[in-house]
Amino acid sequence: MRISELAQLAGVTVRTIRYYHQAGVLPEPPRRPNGYRDYTADHLVAVLRINQLTDSGLTLAQAGVVAASSGSSADEVLDDADRALGVKITALTEQRERLAQARAGHHVGLSTAAAALSLTPADTPVAIVIAHLYREHPQSDVLVEALHDPQKRSVLASLQERFEAIDESTTDGELDQLMAQAQAQFAEAPDGMPPLTEEQFQVLLDLAEHQLNDRQKSFLRGLRPRPSLHD
């Protein structure tokens, strides 16, 4: 039979058959005098087996080995494929659990750290960047755990609310008091957490200032980090 006939019987495209040849999983048949390949029923069985094996989770290369052999070599390939599927299942299960946790906490699309850092929708972009900057720091998990403490979140939410209320009528004394309390919270960060660099802080400032008034912007600039010992 010709390649088009084989493809039709196997339920695949001619391009698929040619790809199987190129990948080395399906032997090429001899050609007739007219130049056309002469496929047989054996080729049909081979294609159907390869398709079944890949549908079962094997790679094309693994499917080719199993389809062309039997015994211990095929068993080894199947064992490898089974282990690989087990790893994928574990990873997908963990992803589903993280997605369920994110949906339950209404923070889909945020890392655990970003969710902990975010108090309101307005500060989510800043929280995402801070979580990214500290993502590999060994103390980041300690920080996240501290931020999940209800009392800590209540204090931070109160500070956030007072910051959002800053306007032209806010006195310097009120700003000074709020600044002292905000810096006190920063000082409670886990030991070893390095301060943000000037460049990092400027990125956060650019994000935070989108919808702030001038007095709020001035307040944030007063929170600029101290120079790092490594600078």
C-alpha atoms as a PDB file:
ATOM      1  CA  MET A   1       0.000   0.000   0.000  1.00  0.00           C
ATOM      2  CA  ARG A   2       1.057   3.596  -0.487  1.00  0.00           C
ATOM      3  CA  ILE A   3       1.826   5.995   2.360  1.00  0.00           C
ATOM      4  CA  SER A   4      -1.489   7.798   1.965  1.00  0.00           C
ATOM      5  CA  GLU A   5      -3.359   4.517   2.314  1.00  0.00           C
ATOM      6  CA  LEU A   6      -1.364   3.572   5.420  1.00  0.00           C
ATOM      7  CA  ALA A   7      -2.052   6.961   6.984  1.00  0.00           C
ATOM      8  CA  GLN A   8      -5.776   6.678   6.284  1.00  0.00           C
ATOM      9  CA  LEU A   9      -6.010   3.178   7.770  1.00  0.00           C
ATOM     10  CA  ALA A  10      -3.994   4.183  10.855  1.00  0.00           C
ATOM     11  CA  GLY A  11      -5.985   7.384  11.399  1.00  0.00           C
ATOM     12  CA  VAL A  12      -2.929   9.642  11.157  1.00  0.00           C
ATOM     13  CA  THR A  13      -1.524  12.040   8.601  1.00  0.00           C
ATOM     14  CA  VAL A  14       1.078  11.333   5.962  1.00  0.00           C
ATOM     15  CA  ARG A  15       3.262  13.875   7.746  1.00  0.00           C
ATOM     16  CA  THR A  16       3.077  11.755  10.920  1.00  0.00           C
ATOM     17  CA  ILE A  17       4.259   8.649   9.061  1.00  0.00           C
ATOM     18  CA  ARG A  18       7.190  10.576   7.625  1.00  0.00           C
ATOM     19  CA  TYR A  19       8.016  11.969  11.063  1.00  0.00           C
ATOM     20  CA  TYR A  20       8.085   8.415  12.447  1.00  0.00           C
ATOM     21  CA  HIS A  21      10.589   7.531   9.729  1.00  0.00           C
ATOM     22  CA  GLN A  22      12.762  10.551  10.565  1.00  0.00           C
ATOM     23  CA  ALA A  23      12.633   9.724  14.285  1.00  0.00           C
ATOM     24  CA  GLY A  24      13.766   6.183  13.530  1.00  0.00           C
ATOM     25  CA  VAL A  25      10.796   4.479  15.176  1.00  0.00           C
ATOM     26  CA  LEU A  26       9.245   3.161  11.961  1.00  0.00           C
ATOM     27  CA  PRO A  27      11.461   1.405   9.382  1.00  0.00           C
ATOM     28  CA  GLU A  28      11.147   2.693   5.869  1.00  0.00           C
ATOM     29  CA  PRO A  29       9.871   0.089   3.382  1.00  0.00           C
ATOM     30  CA  PRO A  30      11.555  -0.600   0.059  1.00  0.00           C
ATOM     31  CA  ARG A  31      10.428   1.408  -2.921  1.00  0.00           C
ATOM     32  CA  ARG A  32       8.691   0.056  -5.981  1.00  0.00           C
ATOM     33  CA  PRO A  33      10.185   0.627  -9.436  1.00  0.00           C
ATOM     34  CA  ASN A  34       7.920   3.652  -9.751  1.00  0.00           C
ATOM     35  CA  GLY A  35       9.574   5.246  -6.692  1.00  0.00           C
ATOM     36  CA  TYR A  36       6.676   4.847  -4.258  1.00  0.00           C
ATOM     37  CA  ARG A  37       7.224   3.147  -0.920  1.00  0.00           C
ATOM     38  CA  ASP A  38       5.494  -0.187  -0.550  1.00  0.00           C
ATOM     39  CA  TYR A  39       3.916  -0.429   2.905  1.00  0.00           C
ATOM     40  CA  THR A  40       2.532  -3.649   4.352  1.00  0.00           C
ATOM     41  CA  ALA A  41       0.142  -4.656   7.109  1.00  0.00           C
ATOM     42  CA  ASP A  42       3.149  -4.961   9.410  1.00  0.00           C
ATOM     43  CA  HIS A  43       3.740  -1.234   9.060  1.00  0.00           C
ATOM     44  CA  LEU A  44       0.111  -0.594   9.972  1.00  0.00           C
ATOM     45  CA  VAL A  45       0.478  -2.699  13.130  1.00  0.00           C
ATOM     46  CA  ALA A  46       3.697  -0.846  14.017  1.00  0.00           C
ATOM     47  CA  VAL A  47       2.051   2.567  13.627  1.00  0.00           C
ATOM     48  CA  LEU A  48      -0.955   1.509  15.684  1.00  0.00           C
ATOM     49  CA  ARG A  49       1.311   0.179  18.452  1.00  0.00           C
ATOM     50  CA  ILE A  50       3.381   3.353  18.491  1.00  0.00           C
ATOM     51  CA  ASN A  51       0.241   5.466  18.758  1.00  0.00           C
ATOM     52  CA  GLN A  52      -1.100   3.317  21.588  1.00  0.00           C
ATOM     53  CA  LEU A  53       2.194   3.496  23.473  1.00  0.00           C
ATOM     54  CA  THR A  54       2.495   7.283  23.169  1.00  0.00           C
ATOM     55  CA  ASP A  55      -1.131   7.614  24.289  1.00  0.00           C
ATOM     56  CA  SER A  56      -0.108   5.561  27.346  1.00  0.00           C
ATOM     57  CA  GLY A  57       2.492   8.156  28.317  1.00  0.00           C
ATOM     58  CA  LEU A  58       5.638   6.951  26.583  1.00  0.00           C
ATOM     59  CA  THR A  59       7.796   9.296  24.567  1.00  0.00           C
ATOM     60  CA  LEU A  60       8.031   8.603  20.875  1.00  0.00           C
ATOM     61  CA  ALA A  61      11.546   7.229  21.324  1.00  0.00           C
ATOM     62  CA  GLN A  62      10.399   4.896  24.108  1.00  0.00           C
ATOM     63  CA  ALA A  63       7.425   3.791  22.048  1.00  0.00           C
ATOM     64  CA  GLY A  64       9.722   2.948  19.164  1.00  0.00           C
ATOM     65  CA  VAL A  65      11.906   0.758  21.385  1.00  0.00           C
ATOM     66  CA  VAL A  66       8.953  -1.127  22.847  1.00  0.00           C
ATOM     67  CA  ALA A  67       7.235  -1.549  19.504  1.00  0.00           C
ATOM     68  CA  ALA A  68      10.390  -3.012  17.988  1.00  0.00           C
ATOM     69  CA  SER A  69      11.387  -5.291  20.872  1.00  0.00           C
ATOM     70  CA  SER A  70      10.134  -7.461  23.668  1.00  0.00           C
ATOM     71  CA  GLY A  71      11.399  -8.985  26.866  1.00  0.00           C
ATOM     72  CA  SER A  72      13.703  -7.251  29.347  1.00  0.00           C
ATOM     73  CA  SER A  73      14.607  -4.271  27.165  1.00  0.00           C
ATOM     74  CA  ALA A  74      10.947  -3.389  26.671  1.00  0.00           C
ATOM     75  CA  ASP A  75      10.266  -3.891  30.391  1.00  0.00           C
ATOM     76  CA  GLU A  76      13.068  -1.488  31.303  1.00  0.00           C
ATOM     77  CA  VAL A  77      11.635   1.178  29.023  1.00  0.00           C
ATOM     78  CA  LEU A  78       8.162   0.666  30.458  1.00  0.00           C
ATOM     79  CA  ASP A  79       9.538   0.899  33.991  1.00  0.00           C
ATOM     80  CA  ASP A  80      11.268   4.175  33.114  1.00  0.00           C
ATOM     81  CA  ALA A  81       8.090   5.528  31.586  1.00  0.00           C
ATOM     82  CA  ASP A  82       6.072   4.496  34.635  1.00  0.00           C
ATOM     83  CA  ARG A  83       8.502   6.250  36.976  1.00  0.00           C
ATOM     84  CA  ALA A  84       8.395   9.396  34.845  1.00  0.00           C
ATOM     85  CA  LEU A  85       4.596   9.376  34.930  1.00  0.00           C
ATOM     86  CA  GLY A  86       4.710   8.959  38.709  1.00  0.00           C
ATOM     87  CA  VAL A  87       6.889  12.063  38.986  1.00  0.00           C
ATOM     88  CA  LYS A  88       4.486  14.009  36.763  1.00  0.00           C
ATOM     89  CA  ILE A  89       1.480  12.877  38.790  1.00  0.00           C
ATOM     90  CA  THR A  90       3.158  13.980  42.019  1.00  0.00           C
ATOM     91  CA  ALA A  91       4.037  17.359  40.534  1.00  0.00           C
ATOM     92  CA  LEU A  92       0.521  17.870  39.143  1.00  0.00           C
ATOM     93  CA  THR A  93      -1.042  16.863  42.458  1.00  0.00           C
ATOM     94  CA  GLU A  94       1.105  19.436  44.244  1.00  0.00           C
ATOM     95  CA  GLN A  95       0.135  22.066  41.680  1.00  0.00           C
ATOM     96  CA  ARG A  96      -3.561  21.313  42.207  1.00  0.00           C
ATOM     97  CA  GLU A  97      -3.102  21.621  45.968  1.00  0.00           C
ATOM     98  CA  ARG A  98      -1.354  24.992  45.572  1.00  0.00           C
ATOM     99  CA  LEU A  99      -4.106  26.171  43.220  1.00  0.00           C
ATOM    100  CA  ALA A 100      -6.791  25.078  45.706  1.00  0.00           C
ATOM    101  CA  GLN A 101      -5.002  26.914  48.512  1.00  0.00           C
ATOM    102  CA  ALA A 102      -4.658  30.024  46.353  1.00  0.00           C
ATOM    103  CA  ARG A 103      -8.356  29.956  45.419  1.00  0.00           C
ATOM    104  CA  ALA A 104      -9.372  29.460  49.028  1.00  0.00           C
ATOM    105  CA  GLY A 105      -7.213  32.396  50.070  1.00  0.00           C
ATOM    106  CA  HIS A 106      -8.309  34.530  47.097  1.00  0.00           C
ATOM    107  CA  HIS A 107      -4.748  34.990  45.898  1.00  0.00           C
ATOM    108  CA  VAL A 108      -4.620  33.086  42.622  1.00  0.00           C
ATOM    109  CA  GLY A 109      -1.556  34.137  40.656  1.00  0.00           C
ATOM    110  CA  LEU A 110       0.395  35.107  43.766  1.00  0.00           C
ATOM    111  CA  SER A 111       3.159  33.194  45.449  1.00  0.00           C
ATOM    112  CA  THR A 112       2.751  32.334  49.124  1.00  0.00           C
ATOM    113  CA  ALA A 113       5.105  35.183  50.010  1.00  0.00           C
ATOM    114  CA  ALA A 114       3.319  37.720  47.787  1.00  0.00           C
ATOM    115  CA  ALA A 115      -0.029  36.744  49.285  1.00  0.00           C
ATOM    116  CA  ALA A 116       1.354  37.230  52.791  1.00  0.00           C
ATOM    117  CA  LEU A 117       2.823  40.616  51.891  1.00  0.00           C
ATOM    118  CA  SER A 118      -0.341  41.899  50.229  1.00  0.00           C
ATOM    119  CA  LEU A 119      -2.860  43.594  52.515  1.00  0.00           C
ATOM    120  CA  THR A 120      -5.065  45.238  49.885  1.00  0.00           C
ATOM    121  CA  PRO A 121      -5.507  44.854  46.095  1.00  0.00           C
ATOM    122  CA  ALA A 122      -3.724  48.192  45.655  1.00  0.00           C
ATOM    123  CA  ASP A 123      -0.480  46.950  47.160  1.00  0.00           C
ATOM    124  CA  THR A 124      -0.455  43.598  45.330  1.00  0.00           C
ATOM    125  CA  PRO A 125       2.006  44.719  42.594  1.00  0.00           C
ATOM    126  CA  VAL A 126       4.507  45.859  45.241  1.00  0.00           C
ATOM    127  CA  ALA A 127       4.009  42.609  47.166  1.00  0.00           C
ATOM    128  CA  ILE A 128       4.731  40.566  44.025  1.00  0.00           C
ATOM    129  CA  VAL A 129       8.025  42.357  43.429  1.00  0.00           C
ATOM    130  CA  ILE A 130       9.164  42.166  47.077  1.00  0.00           C
ATOM    131  CA  ALA A 131       8.391  38.426  47.135  1.00  0.00           C
ATOM    132  CA  HIS A 132      10.436  38.026  43.960  1.00  0.00           C
ATOM    133  CA  LEU A 133      13.404  39.966  45.335  1.00  0.00           C
ATOM    134  CA  TYR A 134      13.547  37.801  48.452  1.00  0.00           C
ATOM    135  CA  ARG A 135      12.452  34.531  46.817  1.00  0.00           C
ATOM    136  CA  GLU A 136      15.782  32.743  47.427  1.00  0.00           C
ATOM    137  CA  HIS A 137      16.599  34.246  50.802  1.00  0.00           C
ATOM    138  CA  PRO A 138      16.739  31.590  53.556  1.00  0.00           C
ATOM    139  CA  GLN A 139      14.720  33.784  55.939  1.00  0.00           C
ATOM    140  CA  SER A 140      11.852  34.433  53.524  1.00  0.00           C
ATOM    141  CA  ASP A 141       9.821  31.539  54.957  1.00  0.00           C
ATOM    142  CA  VAL A 142      10.249  32.990  58.438  1.00  0.00           C
ATOM    143  CA  LEU A 143       8.987  36.348  57.176  1.00  0.00           C
ATOM    144  CA  VAL A 144       5.946  34.735  55.528  1.00  0.00           C
ATOM    145  CA  GLU A 145       5.104  32.862  58.726  1.00  0.00           C
ATOM    146  CA  ALA A 146       5.370  36.078  60.742  1.00  0.00           C
ATOM    147  CA  LEU A 147       3.104  37.911  58.300  1.00  0.00           C
ATOM    148  CA  HIS A 148       0.440  35.247  58.686  1.00  0.00           C
ATOM    149  CA  ASP A 149       0.161  35.991  62.397  1.00  0.00           C
ATOM    150  CA  PRO A 150      -3.292  37.611  62.920  1.00  0.00           C
ATOM    151  CA  GLN A 151      -1.959  40.191  65.375  1.00  0.00           C
ATOM    152  CA  LYS A 152       0.854  41.208  63.014  1.00  0.00           C
ATOM    153  CA  ARG A 153      -1.552  41.518  60.095  1.00  0.00           C
ATOM    154  CA  SER A 154      -3.900  43.612  62.207  1.00  0.00           C
ATOM    155  CA  VAL A 155      -1.087  46.026  63.061  1.00  0.00           C
ATOM    156  CA  LEU A 156       0.037  46.241  59.445  1.00  0.00           C
ATOM    157  CA  ALA A 157      -3.530  46.703  58.206  1.00  0.00           C
ATOM    158  CA  SER A 158      -3.951  49.577  60.675  1.00  0.00           C
ATOM    159  CA  LEU A 159      -0.748  51.219  59.417  1.00  0.00           C
ATOM    160  CA  GLN A 160      -1.891  50.727  55.825  1.00  0.00           C
ATOM    161  CA  GLU A 161      -5.242  52.337  56.590  1.00  0.00           C
ATOM    162  CA  ARG A 162      -3.586  55.326  58.237  1.00  0.00           C
ATOM    163  CA  PHE A 163      -1.192  55.681  55.303  1.00  0.00           C
ATOM    164  CA  GLU A 164      -4.074  55.668  52.831  1.00  0.00           C
ATOM    165  CA  ALA A 165      -5.727  58.451  54.854  1.00  0.00           C
ATOM    166  CA  ILE A 166      -2.719  60.793  54.511  1.00  0.00           C
ATOM    167  CA  ASP A 167      -3.668  64.035  52.785  1.00  0.00           C
ATOM    168  CA  GLU A 168      -3.014  67.768  53.056  1.00  0.00           C
ATOM    169  CA  SER A 169      -4.744  67.901  56.423  1.00  0.00           C
ATOM    170  CA  THR A 170      -2.431  65.313  58.018  1.00  0.00           C
ATOM    171  CA  THR A 171      -0.140  67.026  60.515  1.00  0.00           C
ATOM    172  CA  ASP A 172       3.620  66.600  60.629  1.00  0.00           C
ATOM    173  CA  GLY A 173       3.247  65.084  64.084  1.00  0.00           C
ATOM    174  CA  GLU A 174       0.898  62.415  62.745  1.00  0.00           C
ATOM    175  CA  LEU A 175       3.311  61.658  59.928  1.00  0.00           C
ATOM    176  CA  ASP A 176       6.235  61.399  62.327  1.00  0.00           C
ATOM    177  CA  GLN A 177       4.299  58.999  64.539  1.00  0.00           C
ATOM    178  CA  LEU A 178       3.275  56.855  61.587  1.00  0.00           C
ATOM    179  CA  MET A 179       6.851  56.853  60.270  1.00  0.00           C
ATOM    180  CA  ALA A 180       8.198  55.676  63.648  1.00  0.00           C
ATOM    181  CA  GLN A 181       5.645  52.883  63.805  1.00  0.00           C
ATOM    182  CA  ALA A 182       6.319  51.803  60.211  1.00  0.00           C
ATOM    183  CA  GLN A 183      10.075  51.714  60.789  1.00  0.00           C
ATOM    184  CA  ALA A 184       9.501  49.741  63.983  1.00  0.00           C
ATOM    185  CA  GLN A 185       7.689  47.100  61.932  1.00  0.00           C
ATOM    186  CA  PHE A 186      10.540  46.976  59.430  1.00  0.00           C
ATOM    187  CA  ALA A 187      12.972  46.530  62.299  1.00  0.00           C
ATOM    188  CA  GLU A 188      11.096  43.373  63.312  1.00  0.00           C
ATOM    189  CA  ALA A 189      12.020  41.643  60.062  1.00  0.00           C
ATOM    190  CA  PRO A 190      13.775  38.289  60.589  1.00  0.00           C
ATOM    191  CA  ASP A 191      17.490  38.504  61.328  1.00  0.00           C
ATOM    192  CA  GLY A 192      19.624  38.398  58.221  1.00  0.00           C
ATOM    193  CA  MET A 193      17.089  39.949  55.852  1.00  0.00           C
ATOM    194  CA  PRO A 194      19.159  42.487  53.903  1.00  0.00           C
ATOM    195  CA  PRO A 195      17.706  45.946  53.217  1.00  0.00           C
ATOM    196  CA  LEU A 196      16.630  46.689  49.685  1.00  0.00           C
ATOM    197  CA  THR A 197      19.134  48.471  47.486  1.00  0.00           C
ATOM    198  CA  GLU A 198      18.403  51.978  46.253  1.00  0.00           C
ATOM    199  CA  GLU A 199      17.633  50.591  42.795  1.00  0.00           C
ATOM    200  CA  GLN A 200      15.226  47.972  44.156  1.00  0.00           C
ATOM    201  CA  PHE A 201      13.524  50.501  46.391  1.00  0.00           C
ATOM    202  CA  GLN A 202      13.078  52.877  43.443  1.00  0.00           C
ATOM    203  CA  VAL A 203      11.317  50.148  41.454  1.00  0.00           C
ATOM    204  CA  LEU A 204       8.912  49.590  44.351  1.00  0.00           C
ATOM    205  CA  LEU A 205       8.429  53.323  44.733  1.00  0.00           C
ATOM    206  CA  ASP A 206       7.551  53.672  41.049  1.00  0.00           C
ATOM    207  CA  LEU A 207       4.914  50.948  41.450  1.00  0.00           C
ATOM    208  CA  ALA A 208       3.458  52.325  44.667  1.00  0.00           C
ATOM    209  CA  GLU A 209       3.238  55.965  43.570  1.00  0.00           C
ATOM    210  CA  HIS A 210       0.766  55.478  40.720  1.00  0.00           C
ATOM    211  CA  GLN A 211      -2.294  56.542  42.698  1.00  0.00           C
ATOM    212  CA  LEU A 212      -0.752  58.401  45.642  1.00  0.00           C
ATOM    213  CA  ASN A 213      -0.945  62.055  46.538  1.00  0.00           C
ATOM    214  CA  ASP A 214       2.167  64.163  47.080  1.00  0.00           C
ATOM    215  CA  ARG A 215       2.236  63.758  50.868  1.00  0.00           C
ATOM    216  CA  GLN A 216       1.964  59.971  50.577  1.00  0.00           C
ATOM    217  CA  LYS A 217       4.785  59.947  48.056  1.00  0.00           C
ATOM    218  CA  SER A 218       6.939  62.055  50.343  1.00  0.00           C
ATOM    219  CA  PHE A 219       6.206  59.677  53.229  1.00  0.00           C
ATOM    220  CA  LEU A 220       7.282  56.649  51.188  1.00  0.00           C
ATOM    221  CA  ARG A 221      10.507  58.347  50.136  1.00  0.00           C
ATOM    222  CA  GLY A 222      11.268  58.767  53.830  1.00  0.00           C
ATOM    223  CA  LEU A 223      11.378  54.978  54.109  1.00  0.00           C
ATOM    224  CA  ARG A 224      14.368  54.675  51.812  1.00  0.00           C
ATOM    225  CA  PRO A 225      16.639  51.783  52.865  1.00  0.00           C
ATOM    226  CA  ARG A 226      19.908  52.191  54.644  1.00  0.00           C
ATOM    227  CA  PRO A 227      22.974  51.385  52.482  1.00  0.00           C
ATOM    228  CA  SER A 228      23.836  47.701  52.608  1.00  0.00           C
ATOM    229  CA  LEU A 229      27.192  46.634  54.043  1.00  0.00           C
ATOM    230  CA  HIS A 230      27.756  44.846  50.760  1.00  0.00           C
ATOM    231  CA  ASP A 231      27.265  47.970  48.617  1.00  0.00           C
END
